[in-house]
Amino acid sequence: MRLVLRAGSHREVADGALEVAASPDTPRRERWQWDIRVFEAATAPNGSQRKGVPVSANLGRGDGSASRIEVRADAELVRPEIQVRSVGTGFDVKRELQEVVAVIVGSGSALAEGRHRLRELDALILEGDDPYFLRMEPGPDFDATVAVIRLKGTGSIGWVP
C-alpha cells in the first residue's frame, strides 16, 4: 500500500505535535504499535510521557526553522530508524516486506516515483506488498531535505489506518 498524506491532513494531538501516521490511527482500537509525530523544534517537549522508546531527528524547514521528527514504537514489535537526507540529484529507497517506510519532506519539494510531488511536511507511506523500491528526485527548486523513517517489524507489522 502507498499513501500520500498532505501536510494539512496531519492530526494535531494534545502535546502540540502533528501526528503524521500511527498504527492503529484510532486510539484504543487495536494494540498500539507505533506513531510518527512532528514537533516544532523550539517547542518540542523534553522527554515525552507517551509510551514506547523514542527515536528522533531534527529536520530543517524551508523558512530556516527546524522541526523534530519523533517515532515511538512498541519495542516488542517494531525497531524504528530515522535518516535525514538531502535529495540532491536523487536517491533510491529499498524496503523489505516486514518494513513500513515513511518519507517526510522538511524543506523544498521532492518527486516520489516520478509522479507524487511532495512539499513541506507532506509524507509518503509504503507498507505491505507494494512497492519495494522508491525513487526520490528533487523538485523544481533542485533540492529538498527529507526524513526517511523505517519501521522494522520483529514479526508482522503493518499500518492499521
C-alpha atoms as a PDB file:
ATOM      1  CA  MET A   1       0.000   0.000   0.000  1.00  0.00           C
ATOM      2  CA  ARG A   2       1.168   3.505  -0.786  1.00  0.00           C
ATOM      3  CA  LEU A   3      -0.457   6.565   0.715  1.00  0.00           C
ATOM      4  CA  VAL A   4       0.358  10.235   0.189  1.00  0.00           C
ATOM      5  CA  LEU A   5      -0.520  12.360   3.214  1.00  0.00           C
ATOM      6  CA  ARG A   6      -0.554  16.114   2.629  1.00  0.00           C
ATOM      7  CA  ALA A   7       0.692  18.433   5.390  1.00  0.00           C
ATOM      8  CA  GLY A   8      -2.820  19.742   6.050  1.00  0.00           C
ATOM      9  CA  SER A   9      -4.150  16.255   6.776  1.00  0.00           C
ATOM     10  CA  HIS A  10      -1.929  15.541   9.802  1.00  0.00           C
ATOM     11  CA  ARG A  11      -3.820  15.343  13.089  1.00  0.00           C
ATOM     12  CA  GLU A  12      -2.981  17.823  15.827  1.00  0.00           C
ATOM     13  CA  VAL A  13      -2.552  15.973  19.122  1.00  0.00           C
ATOM     14  CA  ALA A  14      -2.580  17.051  22.765  1.00  0.00           C
ATOM     15  CA  ASP A  15       1.184  17.564  23.175  1.00  0.00           C
ATOM     16  CA  GLY A  16       1.291  20.234  20.448  1.00  0.00           C
ATOM     17  CA  ALA A  17       2.571  17.854  17.806  1.00  0.00           C
ATOM     18  CA  LEU A  18       1.246  16.834  14.426  1.00  0.00           C
ATOM     19  CA  GLU A  19       0.657  13.093  14.158  1.00  0.00           C
ATOM     20  CA  VAL A  20       1.645  12.086  10.635  1.00  0.00           C
ATOM     21  CA  ALA A  21       0.790   8.397  10.976  1.00  0.00           C
ATOM     22  CA  ALA A  22       0.153   5.814  13.673  1.00  0.00           C
ATOM     23  CA  SER A  23      -0.807   2.181  13.896  1.00  0.00           C
ATOM     24  CA  PRO A  24      -3.557   1.940  14.743  1.00  0.00           C
ATOM     25  CA  ASP A  25      -4.514   5.509  13.957  1.00  0.00           C
ATOM     26  CA  THR A  26      -7.683   5.248  16.033  1.00  0.00           C
ATOM     27  CA  PRO A  27      -6.546   5.167  19.677  1.00  0.00           C
ATOM     28  CA  ARG A  28      -7.539   2.095  21.710  1.00  0.00           C
ATOM     29  CA  ARG A  29      -8.986   0.305  18.660  1.00  0.00           C
ATOM     30  CA  GLU A  30      -6.218  -2.302  18.495  1.00  0.00           C
ATOM     31  CA  ARG A  31      -2.861  -2.838  20.166  1.00  0.00           C
ATOM     32  CA  TRP A  32      -0.675   0.249  19.690  1.00  0.00           C
ATOM     33  CA  GLN A  33       2.407  -0.479  17.547  1.00  0.00           C
ATOM     34  CA  TRP A  34       3.986   2.856  16.541  1.00  0.00           C
ATOM     35  CA  ASP A  35       3.446   6.519  15.744  1.00  0.00           C
ATOM     36  CA  ILE A  36       5.254   9.283  13.851  1.00  0.00           C
ATOM     37  CA  ARG A  37       4.912  12.865  15.087  1.00  0.00           C
ATOM     38  CA  VAL A  38       6.356  16.227  14.086  1.00  0.00           C
ATOM     39  CA  PHE A  39       7.124  18.900  16.695  1.00  0.00           C
ATOM     40  CA  GLU A  40       8.354  22.413  16.104  1.00  0.00           C
ATOM     41  CA  ALA A  41      11.917  22.081  17.446  1.00  0.00           C
ATOM     42  CA  ALA A  42      11.629  25.225  19.613  1.00  0.00           C
ATOM     43  CA  THR A  43       8.542  23.901  21.413  1.00  0.00           C
ATOM     44  CA  ALA A  44       9.290  20.161  21.452  1.00  0.00           C
ATOM     45  CA  PRO A  45       8.959  18.670  24.944  1.00  0.00           C
ATOM     46  CA  ASN A  46      11.998  17.191  26.663  1.00  0.00           C
ATOM     47  CA  GLY A  47      11.104  13.577  27.327  1.00  0.00           C
ATOM     48  CA  SER A  48       7.501  12.927  26.435  1.00  0.00           C
ATOM     49  CA  GLN A  49       5.308  10.870  28.750  1.00  0.00           C
ATOM     50  CA  ARG A  50       3.992   8.813  25.841  1.00  0.00           C
ATOM     51  CA  LYS A  51       4.570   5.073  25.693  1.00  0.00           C
ATOM     52  CA  GLY A  52       7.360   3.479  23.684  1.00  0.00           C
ATOM     53  CA  VAL A  53      11.001   4.348  23.270  1.00  0.00           C
ATOM     54  CA  PRO A  54      11.525   7.424  21.062  1.00  0.00           C
ATOM     55  CA  VAL A  55      13.840   7.821  18.109  1.00  0.00           C
ATOM     56  CA  SER A  56      14.094  11.391  16.864  1.00  0.00           C
ATOM     57  CA  ALA A  57      15.909  13.625  14.395  1.00  0.00           C
ATOM     58  CA  ASN A  58      15.867  17.303  13.521  1.00  0.00           C
ATOM     59  CA  LEU A  59      14.602  18.213  10.072  1.00  0.00           C
ATOM     60  CA  GLY A  60      15.358  21.633   8.561  1.00  0.00           C
ATOM     61  CA  ARG A  61      12.422  23.552   7.097  1.00  0.00           C
ATOM     62  CA  GLY A  62      12.295  25.902   4.133  1.00  0.00           C
ATOM     63  CA  ASP A  63      11.884  29.019   6.297  1.00  0.00           C
ATOM     64  CA  GLY A  64      15.132  28.278   8.159  1.00  0.00           C
ATOM     65  CA  SER A  65      13.391  26.830  11.223  1.00  0.00           C
ATOM     66  CA  ALA A  66      13.609  23.205  12.284  1.00  0.00           C
ATOM     67  CA  SER A  67      11.139  20.512  13.237  1.00  0.00           C
ATOM     68  CA  ARG A  68      11.761  17.402  15.270  1.00  0.00           C
ATOM     69  CA  ILE A  69      10.514  14.111  13.873  1.00  0.00           C
ATOM     70  CA  GLU A  70       9.803  11.653  16.662  1.00  0.00           C
ATOM     71  CA  VAL A  71       8.975   7.987  16.180  1.00  0.00           C
ATOM     72  CA  ARG A  72       7.796   5.873  19.099  1.00  0.00           C
ATOM     73  CA  ALA A  73       7.280   2.157  18.852  1.00  0.00           C
ATOM     74  CA  ASP A  74       6.417  -0.878  20.927  1.00  0.00           C
ATOM     75  CA  ALA A  75       9.901  -2.399  21.319  1.00  0.00           C
ATOM     76  CA  GLU A  76       8.443  -5.921  21.268  1.00  0.00           C
ATOM     77  CA  LEU A  77       7.046  -5.340  17.763  1.00  0.00           C
ATOM     78  CA  VAL A  78       8.983  -2.609  15.971  1.00  0.00           C
ATOM     79  CA  ARG A  79      12.502  -1.201  15.613  1.00  0.00           C
ATOM     80  CA  PRO A  80      12.358   2.367  14.241  1.00  0.00           C
ATOM     81  CA  GLU A  81      15.133   4.215  12.399  1.00  0.00           C
ATOM     82  CA  ILE A  82      15.291   7.763  11.013  1.00  0.00           C
ATOM     83  CA  GLN A  83      17.716   9.069   8.421  1.00  0.00           C
ATOM     84  CA  VAL A  84      17.664  12.715   7.283  1.00  0.00           C
ATOM     85  CA  ARG A  85      18.875  13.139   3.710  1.00  0.00           C
ATOM     86  CA  SER A  86      19.298  15.764   1.063  1.00  0.00           C
ATOM     87  CA  VAL A  87      17.555  14.689  -2.125  1.00  0.00           C
ATOM     88  CA  GLY A  88      20.322  16.312  -4.210  1.00  0.00           C
ATOM     89  CA  THR A  89      20.338  14.565  -7.573  1.00  0.00           C
ATOM     90  CA  GLY A  90      18.076  11.822  -6.254  1.00  0.00           C
ATOM     91  CA  PHE A  91      18.331   8.561  -4.356  1.00  0.00           C
ATOM     92  CA  ASP A  92      16.604   5.208  -4.052  1.00  0.00           C
ATOM     93  CA  VAL A  93      14.814   3.762  -1.050  1.00  0.00           C
ATOM     94  CA  LYS A  94      14.526  -0.022  -0.926  1.00  0.00           C
ATOM     95  CA  ARG A  95      12.377  -1.706   1.678  1.00  0.00           C
ATOM     96  CA  GLU A  96      11.750  -5.217   2.880  1.00  0.00           C
ATOM     97  CA  LEU A  97       8.365  -6.912   3.194  1.00  0.00           C
ATOM     98  CA  GLN A  98       8.357  -6.527   7.002  1.00  0.00           C
ATOM     99  CA  GLU A  99       9.096  -2.789   6.865  1.00  0.00           C
ATOM    100  CA  VAL A 100       6.857   0.244   6.843  1.00  0.00           C
ATOM    101  CA  VAL A 101       8.673   3.202   5.261  1.00  0.00           C
ATOM    102  CA  ALA A 102       7.637   6.838   5.585  1.00  0.00           C
ATOM    103  CA  VAL A 103       9.262   9.751   3.755  1.00  0.00           C
ATOM    104  CA  ILE A 104       8.534  13.241   5.127  1.00  0.00           C
ATOM    105  CA  VAL A 105       9.717  16.413   3.378  1.00  0.00           C
ATOM    106  CA  GLY A 106      11.313  19.065   5.585  1.00  0.00           C
ATOM    107  CA  SER A 107      12.320  21.716   3.063  1.00  0.00           C
ATOM    108  CA  GLY A 108      11.880  22.199  -0.652  1.00  0.00           C
ATOM    109  CA  SER A 109       9.915  19.713  -2.680  1.00  0.00           C
ATOM    110  CA  ALA A 110      10.609  16.228  -3.942  1.00  0.00           C
ATOM    111  CA  LEU A 111       9.189  13.940  -6.580  1.00  0.00           C
ATOM    112  CA  ALA A 112       8.479  10.371  -5.435  1.00  0.00           C
ATOM    113  CA  GLU A 113       8.168   7.590  -8.019  1.00  0.00           C
ATOM    114  CA  GLY A 114       8.216  10.206 -10.766  1.00  0.00           C
ATOM    115  CA  ARG A 115       4.602  11.124 -10.021  1.00  0.00           C
ATOM    116  CA  HIS A 116       3.958  12.268  -6.441  1.00  0.00           C
ATOM    117  CA  ARG A 117       5.089  15.865  -5.791  1.00  0.00           C
ATOM    118  CA  LEU A 118       5.756  16.212  -2.048  1.00  0.00           C
ATOM    119  CA  ARG A 119       6.121  19.606  -0.385  1.00  0.00           C
ATOM    120  CA  GLU A 120       6.951  20.675   3.198  1.00  0.00           C
ATOM    121  CA  LEU A 121       5.616  18.173   5.749  1.00  0.00           C
ATOM    122  CA  ASP A 122       3.920  16.048   3.088  1.00  0.00           C
ATOM    123  CA  ALA A 123       4.509  12.348   3.691  1.00  0.00           C
ATOM    124  CA  LEU A 124       4.514   9.178   1.619  1.00  0.00           C
ATOM    125  CA  ILE A 125       3.944   5.896   3.475  1.00  0.00           C
ATOM    126  CA  LEU A 126       4.793   2.499   1.970  1.00  0.00           C
ATOM    127  CA  GLU A 127       3.546  -0.727   3.529  1.00  0.00           C
ATOM    128  CA  GLY A 128       2.660  -4.282   2.547  1.00  0.00           C
ATOM    129  CA  ASP A 129       3.327  -5.791  -0.865  1.00  0.00           C
ATOM    130  CA  ASP A 130       3.778  -2.696  -2.997  1.00  0.00           C
ATOM    131  CA  PRO A 131       6.176  -1.062  -3.752  1.00  0.00           C
ATOM    132  CA  TYR A 132       9.556  -2.312  -2.507  1.00  0.00           C
ATOM    133  CA  PHE A 133      11.518   0.338  -4.378  1.00  0.00           C
ATOM    134  CA  LEU A 134      11.035   4.111  -4.280  1.00  0.00           C
ATOM    135  CA  ARG A 135      12.907   6.679  -6.342  1.00  0.00           C
ATOM    136  CA  MET A 136      13.185  10.156  -4.788  1.00  0.00           C
ATOM    137  CA  GLU A 137      14.158  13.072  -7.036  1.00  0.00           C
ATOM    138  CA  PRO A 138      14.441  16.810  -6.426  1.00  0.00           C
ATOM    139  CA  GLY A 139      11.532  19.124  -7.170  1.00  0.00           C
ATOM    140  CA  PRO A 140      11.789  22.327  -9.222  1.00  0.00           C
ATOM    141  CA  ASP A 141      13.877  24.052  -6.525  1.00  0.00           C
ATOM    142  CA  PHE A 142      16.534  21.360  -7.163  1.00  0.00           C
ATOM    143  CA  ASP A 143      16.921  20.227  -3.602  1.00  0.00           C
ATOM    144  CA  ALA A 144      14.908  19.039  -0.674  1.00  0.00           C
ATOM    145  CA  THR A 145      15.607  17.681   2.762  1.00  0.00           C
ATOM    146  CA  VAL A 146      13.652  14.593   3.725  1.00  0.00           C
ATOM    147  CA  ALA A 147      13.388  12.215   6.663  1.00  0.00           C
ATOM    148  CA  VAL A 148      13.314   8.540   5.698  1.00  0.00           C
ATOM    149  CA  ILE A 149      11.715   6.567   8.510  1.00  0.00           C
ATOM    150  CA  ARG A 150      11.939   2.777   8.657  1.00  0.00           C
ATOM    151  CA  LEU A 151       9.788   0.718  10.959  1.00  0.00           C
ATOM    152  CA  LYS A 152      11.235  -2.793  11.002  1.00  0.00           C
ATOM    153  CA  GLY A 153       8.988  -5.485  12.392  1.00  0.00           C
ATOM    154  CA  THR A 154      10.248  -8.135  14.756  1.00  0.00           C
ATOM    155  CA  GLY A 155       7.239 -10.042  13.417  1.00  0.00           C
ATOM    156  CA  SER A 156       4.363  -8.991  11.268  1.00  0.00           C
ATOM    157  CA  ILE A 157       3.691  -5.269  11.494  1.00  0.00           C
ATOM    158  CA  GLY A 158       1.653  -3.008   9.352  1.00  0.00           C
ATOM    159  CA  TRP A 159      -0.327   0.117   9.282  1.00  0.00           C
ATOM    160  CA  VAL A 160      -3.885  -0.019  10.515  1.00  0.00           C
ATOM    161  CA  PRO A 161      -5.275   3.239   9.116  1.00  0.00           C
END
